[in-house]
């Protein structure tokens, strides 16, 4: 243990701006790797499982304790970078650490640095009119000091989108529908990002049930000169499109409205889906189980269990329909406790994996006596066939 502490201290350089912890000691470890970035005295952690990413922030003292514990109990390798060197700790199977330091010709891209802000996709210095109207940017394109949290949250949303489209060629056509767009803050930002930063040939339609909201959003769209961003009055479950749909976004569509949005996305063979579900009441009213009654015994536990099962079922149903699915942590502008984002990309999924995903859903349905809306919609259209399982 003393030699490990010495190794960590040897690599604890305040100029280090990025650290990765990798090579889990056990195949059953919670995390495959952890990426750590530093900004001033705060350490931001991205903890990667096989399918999810969890975020955390630690103070300097908390981070020192965390790092020692992580290398002692969870990971076999540490890599840290400053502007000149890469610092490496490798731990043998017998727990003996070795430390190396090597010069780097080109340091990895700095997500966060010790004394400068993150290189955000939406950067300061560029006047983004919707951000000005939201009170996040000044008229000169600077972030208002009290609005940095919202600025970071918006950039996190854009980064999640960017992960899937960063390799799109300029000029690529992209048709997007935003179900339940509301006041459309993020829709305007998304349009700016896709057209001004990615240079894509984009058409976005925002859909909502409130006439006054739709009218106001269309006025704003014209004001910003967003010629291919329009808003329509309509219901998620009955909306018909006259053009092929490449991307579906649904942020906080309430309860089964999320299911109808996902159902439409699957029917239209949408390439990308980004959904933050909300108000998962449906299964909370249904959930019942003798084998796992502990999970339904207390109201608050039952509610949270039902919400998690709802989104797990949605994710697996998307897999069964040929999507690669990730469930990510996402805290949006409303600071809602509903912080799971479902990200799905149409890809080649083996029939074996599709069957396995559907079997997982059927097991949950049987165990908890459930009838999920998305499952029923897909089954009635014969998009999925439970009888094969």
Protein backbone atom coordinates (compact mmCIF):
# COMPACT_ATOMS: atom_id res chain seq x y z
CA UNK A 1 0.00 0.00 0.00
CA UNK A 2 2.82 2.44 0.84
CA UNK A 3 4.44 1.83 -2.53
CA UNK A 4 1.10 2.53 -4.25
CA UNK A 5 0.69 5.79 -2.33
CA UNK A 6 4.19 6.77 -3.38
CA UNK A 7 3.37 5.94 -7.01
CA UNK A 8 0.22 8.06 -6.92
CA UNK A 9 2.05 10.96 -5.30
CA UNK A 10 4.78 10.72 -7.95
CA UNK A 11 2.14 11.26 -10.61
CA UNK A 12 0.08 13.83 -8.74
CA UNK A 13 0.99 16.88 -10.79
CA UNK A 14 -1.29 19.92 -10.57
CA UNK A 15 -0.67 20.58 -14.26
CA UNK A 16 -2.20 17.26 -15.29
CA UNK A 17 -5.41 18.02 -17.15
CA UNK A 18 -6.59 14.53 -18.10
CA UNK A 19 -6.44 11.10 -16.45
CA UNK A 20 -7.78 7.71 -17.47
CA UNK A 21 -8.14 4.71 -15.20
CA UNK A 22 -8.38 1.45 -17.12
CA UNK A 23 -7.85 -2.34 -17.02
CA UNK A 24 -10.37 -3.31 -14.31
CA UNK A 25 -9.07 -5.86 -11.82
CA UNK A 26 -12.25 -7.90 -12.11
CA UNK A 27 -14.53 -8.78 -15.01
CA UNK A 28 -17.44 -7.92 -12.70
CA UNK A 29 -16.21 -4.39 -12.00
CA UNK A 30 -18.88 -1.70 -12.19
CA UNK A 31 -16.88 0.41 -14.63
CA UNK A 32 -14.74 -0.42 -17.68
CA UNK A 33 -12.82 2.82 -17.43
CA UNK A 34 -13.01 6.25 -15.81
CA UNK A 35 -11.96 9.46 -17.58
CA UNK A 36 -11.12 12.39 -15.31
CA UNK A 37 -10.78 16.03 -16.34
CA UNK A 38 -9.74 18.94 -14.17
CA UNK A 39 -11.02 22.48 -14.04
CA UNK A 40 -9.53 24.65 -11.32
CA UNK A 41 -10.11 22.72 -8.07
CA UNK A 42 -12.89 20.46 -9.38
CA UNK A 43 -12.38 17.02 -10.90
CA UNK A 44 -15.02 15.82 -13.36
CA UNK A 45 -15.42 12.03 -13.65
CA UNK A 46 -16.98 10.13 -16.55
CA UNK A 47 -17.53 6.53 -15.45
CA UNK A 48 -18.07 4.13 -18.34
CA UNK A 49 -19.96 0.85 -18.09
CA UNK A 50 -20.51 -1.33 -21.16
CA UNK A 51 -23.58 0.72 -22.19
CA UNK A 52 -23.79 3.81 -19.96
CA UNK A 53 -21.83 6.81 -18.75
CA UNK A 54 -22.20 8.25 -15.24
CA UNK A 55 -20.87 11.67 -14.24
CA UNK A 56 -19.55 12.94 -10.94
CA UNK A 57 -17.63 15.93 -9.57
CA UNK A 58 -15.08 15.75 -6.74
CA UNK A 59 -13.12 18.31 -4.78
CA UNK A 60 -9.33 18.09 -4.61
CA UNK A 61 -9.32 16.23 -1.28
CA UNK A 62 -12.12 13.89 -2.37
CA UNK A 63 -10.26 13.16 -5.58
CA UNK A 64 -7.04 12.21 -3.78
CA UNK A 65 -8.96 9.67 -1.66
CA UNK A 66 -10.86 8.40 -4.68
CA UNK A 67 -7.72 7.93 -6.79
CA UNK A 68 -5.91 5.92 -4.12
CA UNK A 69 -8.93 3.68 -3.54
CA UNK A 70 -9.55 3.19 -7.27
CA UNK A 71 -5.98 2.07 -7.95
CA UNK A 72 -5.86 -0.13 -4.87
CA UNK A 73 -9.19 -1.88 -5.45
CA UNK A 74 -10.49 -1.42 -9.00
CA UNK A 75 -8.00 -0.61 -11.76
CA UNK A 76 -4.56 -1.75 -12.86
CA UNK A 77 -3.54 1.23 -14.98
CA UNK A 78 -3.37 5.01 -14.64
CA UNK A 79 -2.50 7.39 -17.49
CA UNK A 80 -2.19 11.11 -16.86
CA UNK A 81 -1.23 13.91 -19.24
CA UNK A 82 0.13 17.42 -18.88
CA UNK A 83 1.41 19.62 -21.73
CA UNK A 84 4.77 17.80 -21.90
CA UNK A 85 4.53 14.32 -20.41
CA UNK A 86 2.41 11.23 -20.04
CA UNK A 87 2.58 9.67 -16.57
CA UNK A 88 1.82 5.97 -16.32
CA UNK A 89 1.20 3.73 -13.31
CA UNK A 90 0.89 0.02 -14.00
CA UNK A 91 0.01 -2.37 -11.20
CA UNK A 92 1.05 -6.00 -11.39
CA UNK A 93 -1.21 -8.89 -10.42
CA UNK A 94 0.67 -9.00 -7.12
CA UNK A 95 -0.21 -5.37 -6.47
CA UNK A 96 3.22 -3.89 -7.19
CA UNK A 97 3.10 -0.51 -8.96
CA UNK A 98 5.59 0.72 -11.54
CA UNK A 99 5.79 4.34 -12.64
CA UNK A 100 6.98 5.62 -16.01
CA UNK A 101 7.07 9.08 -17.51
CA UNK A 102 7.50 9.83 -21.18
CA UNK A 103 7.48 12.93 -23.31
CA UNK A 104 4.55 13.28 -25.67
CA UNK A 105 4.81 14.82 -29.13
CA UNK A 106 1.16 15.82 -29.13
CA UNK A 107 -0.96 15.94 -25.99
CA UNK A 108 -4.48 14.51 -26.17
CA UNK A 109 -7.29 16.97 -26.78
CA UNK A 110 -8.00 18.89 -23.62
CA UNK A 111 -11.54 18.35 -22.43
CA UNK A 112 -10.89 20.43 -19.32
CA UNK A 113 -7.68 22.07 -18.13
CA UNK A 114 -6.44 23.30 -14.81
CA UNK A 115 -6.67 26.95 -15.66
CA UNK A 116 -8.94 27.23 -18.70
CA UNK A 117 -12.46 26.27 -19.57
CA UNK A 118 -13.53 23.30 -21.64
CA UNK A 119 -13.34 23.56 -25.42
CA UNK A 120 -17.10 23.44 -25.85
CA UNK A 121 -18.78 22.76 -29.18
CA UNK A 122 -20.80 25.93 -28.61
CA UNK A 123 -17.99 28.32 -27.79
CA UNK A 124 -17.84 31.76 -26.27
CA UNK A 125 -17.09 34.60 -28.64
CA UNK A 126 -19.67 33.48 -31.18
CA UNK A 127 -22.99 35.31 -30.97
CA UNK A 128 -25.68 32.61 -30.88
CA UNK A 129 -28.96 34.49 -30.91
CA UNK A 130 -31.08 31.91 -29.04
CA UNK A 131 -28.51 31.81 -26.23
CA UNK A 132 -28.63 35.59 -26.02
CA UNK A 133 -32.43 35.54 -25.78
CA UNK A 134 -32.23 32.81 -23.12
CA UNK A 135 -29.98 35.07 -21.03
CA UNK A 136 -27.06 32.64 -21.21
CA UNK A 137 -24.92 34.77 -23.56
CA UNK A 138 -24.39 38.49 -23.51
CA UNK A 139 -24.93 40.39 -26.75
CA UNK A 140 -21.18 40.05 -27.32
CA UNK A 141 -21.33 36.25 -27.11
CA UNK A 142 -19.87 35.87 -23.62
CA UNK A 143 -21.35 33.49 -21.05
CA UNK A 144 -23.19 35.30 -18.26
CA UNK A 145 -21.33 34.33 -15.07
CA UNK A 146 -24.42 33.03 -13.28
CA UNK A 147 -25.41 30.90 -16.29
CA UNK A 148 -22.36 28.64 -16.68
CA UNK A 149 -24.27 25.59 -15.38
CA UNK A 150 -26.94 25.97 -18.05
CA UNK A 151 -24.27 26.66 -20.66
CA UNK A 152 -22.54 23.39 -19.76
CA UNK A 153 -25.84 21.49 -19.76
CA UNK A 154 -26.69 22.74 -23.27
CA UNK A 155 -23.25 21.75 -24.49
CA UNK A 156 -23.65 18.31 -22.94
CA UNK A 157 -26.83 17.84 -24.97
CA UNK A 158 -25.04 18.93 -28.15
CA UNK A 159 -22.11 16.61 -27.37
CA UNK A 160 -24.46 13.63 -27.07
CA UNK A 161 -25.83 14.44 -30.53
CA UNK A 162 -22.34 15.11 -31.88
CA UNK A 163 -21.11 11.67 -30.80
CA UNK A 164 -23.41 10.16 -33.42
CA UNK A 165 -23.10 12.64 -36.31
CA UNK A 166 -19.54 13.96 -36.02
CA UNK A 167 -18.47 12.01 -39.10
CA UNK A 168 -21.32 13.24 -41.30
CA UNK A 169 -20.05 15.01 -44.43
CA UNK A 170 -20.96 18.70 -44.88
CA UNK A 171 -24.09 18.99 -46.99
CA UNK A 172 -25.57 15.72 -45.73
CA UNK A 173 -29.37 15.93 -45.64
CA UNK A 174 -30.90 15.42 -42.22
CA UNK A 175 -34.63 15.52 -41.46
CA UNK A 176 -35.42 15.90 -37.77
CA UNK A 177 -38.66 15.80 -35.81
CA UNK A 178 -38.77 17.13 -32.25
CA UNK A 179 -41.81 15.63 -30.52
CA UNK A 180 -43.22 17.69 -27.64
CA UNK A 181 -40.84 20.56 -28.36
CA UNK A 182 -42.34 22.97 -25.81
CA UNK A 183 -40.60 26.36 -25.80
CA UNK A 184 -37.92 24.77 -27.99
CA UNK A 185 -34.80 26.23 -26.39
CA UNK A 186 -32.77 23.16 -27.26
CA UNK A 187 -34.39 22.87 -30.70
CA UNK A 188 -33.09 26.30 -31.68
CA UNK A 189 -29.63 25.45 -30.36
CA UNK A 190 -29.69 22.14 -32.23
CA UNK A 191 -30.57 23.89 -35.49
CA UNK A 192 -27.68 26.32 -35.02
CA UNK A 193 -25.28 23.46 -34.30
CA UNK A 194 -26.39 21.31 -37.26
CA UNK A 195 -26.43 24.13 -39.80
CA UNK A 196 -23.77 26.62 -38.67
CA UNK A 197 -21.22 24.25 -37.08
CA UNK A 198 -21.74 20.97 -38.92
CA UNK A 199 -22.88 22.56 -42.21
CA UNK A 200 -25.58 19.95 -42.76
CA UNK A 201 -28.60 20.38 -45.00
CA UNK A 202 -31.18 20.25 -42.22
CA UNK A 203 -34.93 20.42 -41.89
CA UNK A 204 -36.37 20.37 -38.35
CA UNK A 205 -40.06 20.20 -37.45
CA UNK A 206 -41.06 20.87 -33.85
CA UNK A 207 -44.37 19.40 -32.73
CA UNK A 208 -46.45 20.47 -29.73
CA UNK A 209 -50.08 20.60 -28.57
CA UNK A 210 -50.13 24.27 -27.49
CA UNK A 211 -51.08 26.76 -30.19
CA UNK A 212 -49.55 29.77 -28.40
CA UNK A 213 -46.23 27.92 -28.00
CA UNK A 214 -46.17 26.93 -31.68
CA UNK A 215 -46.95 30.48 -32.82
CA UNK A 216 -44.27 31.96 -30.57
CA UNK A 217 -41.66 29.46 -31.75
CA UNK A 218 -42.41 30.15 -35.42
CA UNK A 219 -41.99 33.88 -34.79
CA UNK A 220 -38.60 33.22 -33.15
CA UNK A 221 -37.52 30.95 -35.99
CA UNK A 222 -38.22 33.69 -38.54
CA UNK A 223 -36.46 36.22 -36.32
CA UNK A 224 -33.29 34.08 -36.25
CA UNK A 225 -33.44 33.43 -40.00
CA UNK A 226 -33.79 29.68 -39.44
CA UNK A 227 -35.46 29.00 -42.76
CA UNK A 228 -35.74 25.23 -42.39
CA UNK A 229 -36.94 25.14 -38.78
CA UNK A 230 -40.73 25.18 -38.40
CA UNK A 231 -43.25 24.31 -35.71
CA UNK A 232 -46.58 22.57 -36.10
CA UNK A 233 -49.58 21.85 -33.92
CA UNK A 234 -50.04 18.11 -33.57
CA UNK A 235 -50.25 15.02 -31.42
CA UNK A 236 -47.40 12.56 -31.17
CA UNK A 237 -49.55 9.46 -31.62
CA UNK A 238 -51.36 10.67 -34.77
CA UNK A 239 -48.69 12.74 -36.52
CA UNK A 240 -48.08 11.89 -40.18
CA UNK A 241 -44.93 12.94 -42.03
CA UNK A 242 -44.58 13.59 -45.74
CA UNK A 243 -40.79 13.19 -45.78
CA UNK A 244 -38.30 10.53 -44.64
CA UNK A 245 -37.24 10.99 -41.01
CA UNK A 246 -33.59 10.65 -40.06
CA UNK A 247 -33.64 11.76 -36.42
CA UNK A 248 -36.26 11.83 -33.67
CA UNK A 249 -35.89 13.92 -30.53
CA UNK A 250 -38.31 13.71 -27.63
CA UNK A 251 -37.49 15.54 -24.41
CA UNK A 252 -39.91 15.00 -21.56
CA UNK A 253 -42.82 13.68 -23.56
CA UNK A 254 -45.07 12.69 -20.68
CA UNK A 255 -45.72 9.03 -19.83
CA UNK A 256 -46.86 7.00 -22.88
CA UNK A 257 -46.28 9.95 -25.24
CA UNK A 258 -42.65 8.80 -25.21
CA UNK A 259 -43.80 5.34 -26.32
CA UNK A 260 -45.75 6.76 -29.27
CA UNK A 261 -42.75 8.87 -30.27
CA UNK A 262 -40.45 5.82 -30.18
CA UNK A 263 -43.07 3.77 -32.03
CA UNK A 264 -43.25 6.36 -34.82
CA UNK A 265 -39.44 6.54 -34.97
CA UNK A 266 -39.25 2.75 -35.40
CA UNK A 267 -42.01 2.72 -38.03
CA UNK A 268 -40.27 5.46 -39.99
CA UNK A 269 -36.97 3.62 -39.72
CA UNK A 270 -35.34 6.71 -38.17
CA UNK A 271 -31.56 6.45 -38.10
CA UNK A 272 -31.12 8.23 -34.76
CA UNK A 273 -33.31 8.58 -31.65
CA UNK A 274 -32.66 10.81 -28.64
CA UNK A 275 -35.29 10.54 -25.91
CA UNK A 276 -35.49 11.80 -22.33
CA UNK A 277 -38.61 10.09 -20.92
CA UNK A 278 -40.74 11.68 -18.23
CA UNK A 279 -43.59 10.82 -15.86
CA UNK A 280 -43.53 7.04 -16.21
CA UNK A 281 -46.95 6.46 -14.61
CA UNK A 282 -48.20 3.60 -16.77
CA UNK A 283 -46.18 0.74 -15.30
CA UNK A 284 -46.33 2.16 -11.79
CA UNK A 285 -50.08 1.51 -11.89
CA UNK A 286 -49.55 -2.04 -13.22
CA UNK A 287 -46.46 -3.37 -11.50
CA UNK A 288 -47.12 -6.38 -9.28
CA UNK A 289 -44.86 -9.27 -8.34
CA UNK A 290 -44.81 -11.98 -5.72
CA UNK A 291 -41.19 -12.99 -6.25
CA UNK A 292 -39.82 -9.45 -5.88
CA UNK A 293 -42.47 -7.84 -3.66
CA UNK A 294 -39.69 -5.97 -1.87
CA UNK A 295 -39.55 -3.65 -4.87
CA UNK A 296 -43.27 -2.82 -4.74
CA UNK A 297 -43.72 -2.74 -0.97
CA UNK A 298 -42.89 0.95 -0.47
CA UNK A 299 -44.45 3.65 -2.61
CA UNK A 300 -41.31 5.59 -3.45
CA UNK A 301 -39.34 2.43 -4.25
CA UNK A 302 -42.19 1.13 -6.38
CA UNK A 303 -42.34 4.40 -8.33
CA UNK A 304 -38.61 4.44 -9.04
CA UNK A 305 -38.52 0.74 -9.89
CA UNK A 306 -41.39 1.19 -12.34
CA UNK A 307 -39.66 4.17 -13.96
CA UNK A 308 -36.39 2.28 -14.40
CA UNK A 309 -38.12 -0.83 -15.73
CA UNK A 310 -40.08 1.36 -18.17
CA UNK A 311 -36.94 2.78 -19.70
CA UNK A 312 -35.09 -0.55 -19.62
CA UNK A 313 -37.97 -2.12 -21.57
CA UNK A 314 -37.93 0.74 -24.07
CA UNK A 315 -34.20 0.30 -24.58
CA UNK A 316 -34.47 -3.45 -25.12
CA UNK A 317 -37.41 -3.06 -27.50
CA UNK A 318 -35.34 -0.66 -29.58
CA UNK A 319 -32.57 -3.28 -29.65
CA UNK A 320 -35.12 -5.87 -30.76
CA UNK A 321 -35.99 -3.52 -33.64
CA UNK A 322 -32.41 -3.19 -34.85
CA UNK A 323 -30.96 -0.31 -32.86
CA UNK A 324 -27.75 0.03 -30.91
CA UNK A 325 -28.88 1.55 -27.62
CA UNK A 326 -27.20 3.48 -24.81
CA UNK A 327 -28.83 4.86 -21.67
CA UNK A 328 -26.96 7.96 -20.55
CA UNK A 329 -27.15 10.28 -17.59
CA UNK A 330 -28.46 13.65 -18.71
CA UNK A 331 -29.49 16.57 -16.51
CA UNK A 332 -31.30 19.20 -18.55
CA UNK A 333 -32.23 22.85 -18.05
CA UNK A 334 -35.25 22.07 -15.90
CA UNK A 335 -33.10 20.28 -13.28
CA UNK A 336 -35.56 17.43 -13.39
CA UNK A 337 -34.84 14.21 -11.47
CA UNK A 338 -35.78 12.36 -14.68
CA UNK A 339 -32.21 12.20 -15.92
CA UNK A 340 -31.97 9.22 -18.26
CA UNK A 341 -31.48 9.82 -21.97
CA UNK A 342 -32.11 6.97 -24.39
CA UNK A 343 -29.79 7.18 -27.40
CA UNK A 344 -30.45 4.74 -30.23
CA UNK A 345 -28.76 4.32 -33.60
CA UNK A 346 -30.09 2.15 -36.42
CA UNK A 347 -27.44 -0.41 -37.23
CA UNK A 348 -26.87 -4.06 -38.01
CA UNK A 349 -28.07 -6.12 -35.05
CA UNK A 350 -27.90 -9.91 -35.22
CA UNK A 351 -31.13 -11.88 -35.06
CA UNK A 352 -29.74 -13.61 -31.99
CA UNK A 353 -29.30 -10.28 -30.18
CA UNK A 354 -32.76 -9.11 -31.26
CA UNK A 355 -34.30 -12.30 -29.89
CA UNK A 356 -32.34 -11.97 -26.67
CA UNK A 357 -33.49 -8.38 -26.18
CA UNK A 358 -37.11 -9.34 -26.77
CA UNK A 359 -36.77 -12.28 -24.37
CA UNK A 360 -35.47 -9.87 -21.70
CA UNK A 361 -38.57 -7.75 -22.18
CA UNK A 362 -40.89 -10.76 -22.00
CA UNK A 363 -39.23 -11.91 -18.78
CA UNK A 364 -39.77 -8.48 -17.20
CA UNK A 365 -43.39 -8.38 -18.40
CA UNK A 366 -44.11 -11.79 -16.89
CA UNK A 367 -42.24 -11.12 -13.64
CA UNK A 368 -43.95 -7.79 -12.96
CA UNK A 369 -47.34 -8.38 -14.70
CA UNK A 370 -46.90 -5.53 -17.17
CA UNK A 371 -48.48 -4.40 -20.44
CA UNK A 372 -46.19 -1.64 -21.78
CA UNK A 373 -47.64 0.60 -24.48
CA UNK A 374 -44.60 0.45 -26.77
CA UNK A 375 -44.63 -3.35 -26.63
CA UNK A 376 -48.34 -3.45 -27.50
CA UNK A 377 -47.93 -1.03 -30.40
CA UNK A 378 -45.03 -2.95 -31.91
CA UNK A 379 -46.75 -6.29 -31.44
CA UNK A 380 -50.03 -5.12 -33.01
CA UNK A 381 -48.11 -3.94 -36.08
CA UNK A 382 -46.14 -7.20 -36.11
CA UNK A 383 -42.88 -5.26 -35.86
CA UNK A 384 -42.03 -7.66 -33.05
CA UNK A 385 -43.40 -11.16 -32.62
CA UNK A 386 -43.33 -12.43 -29.05
CA UNK A 387 -44.53 -15.87 -30.15
CA UNK A 388 -41.06 -16.58 -31.54
CA UNK A 389 -39.61 -16.47 -28.05
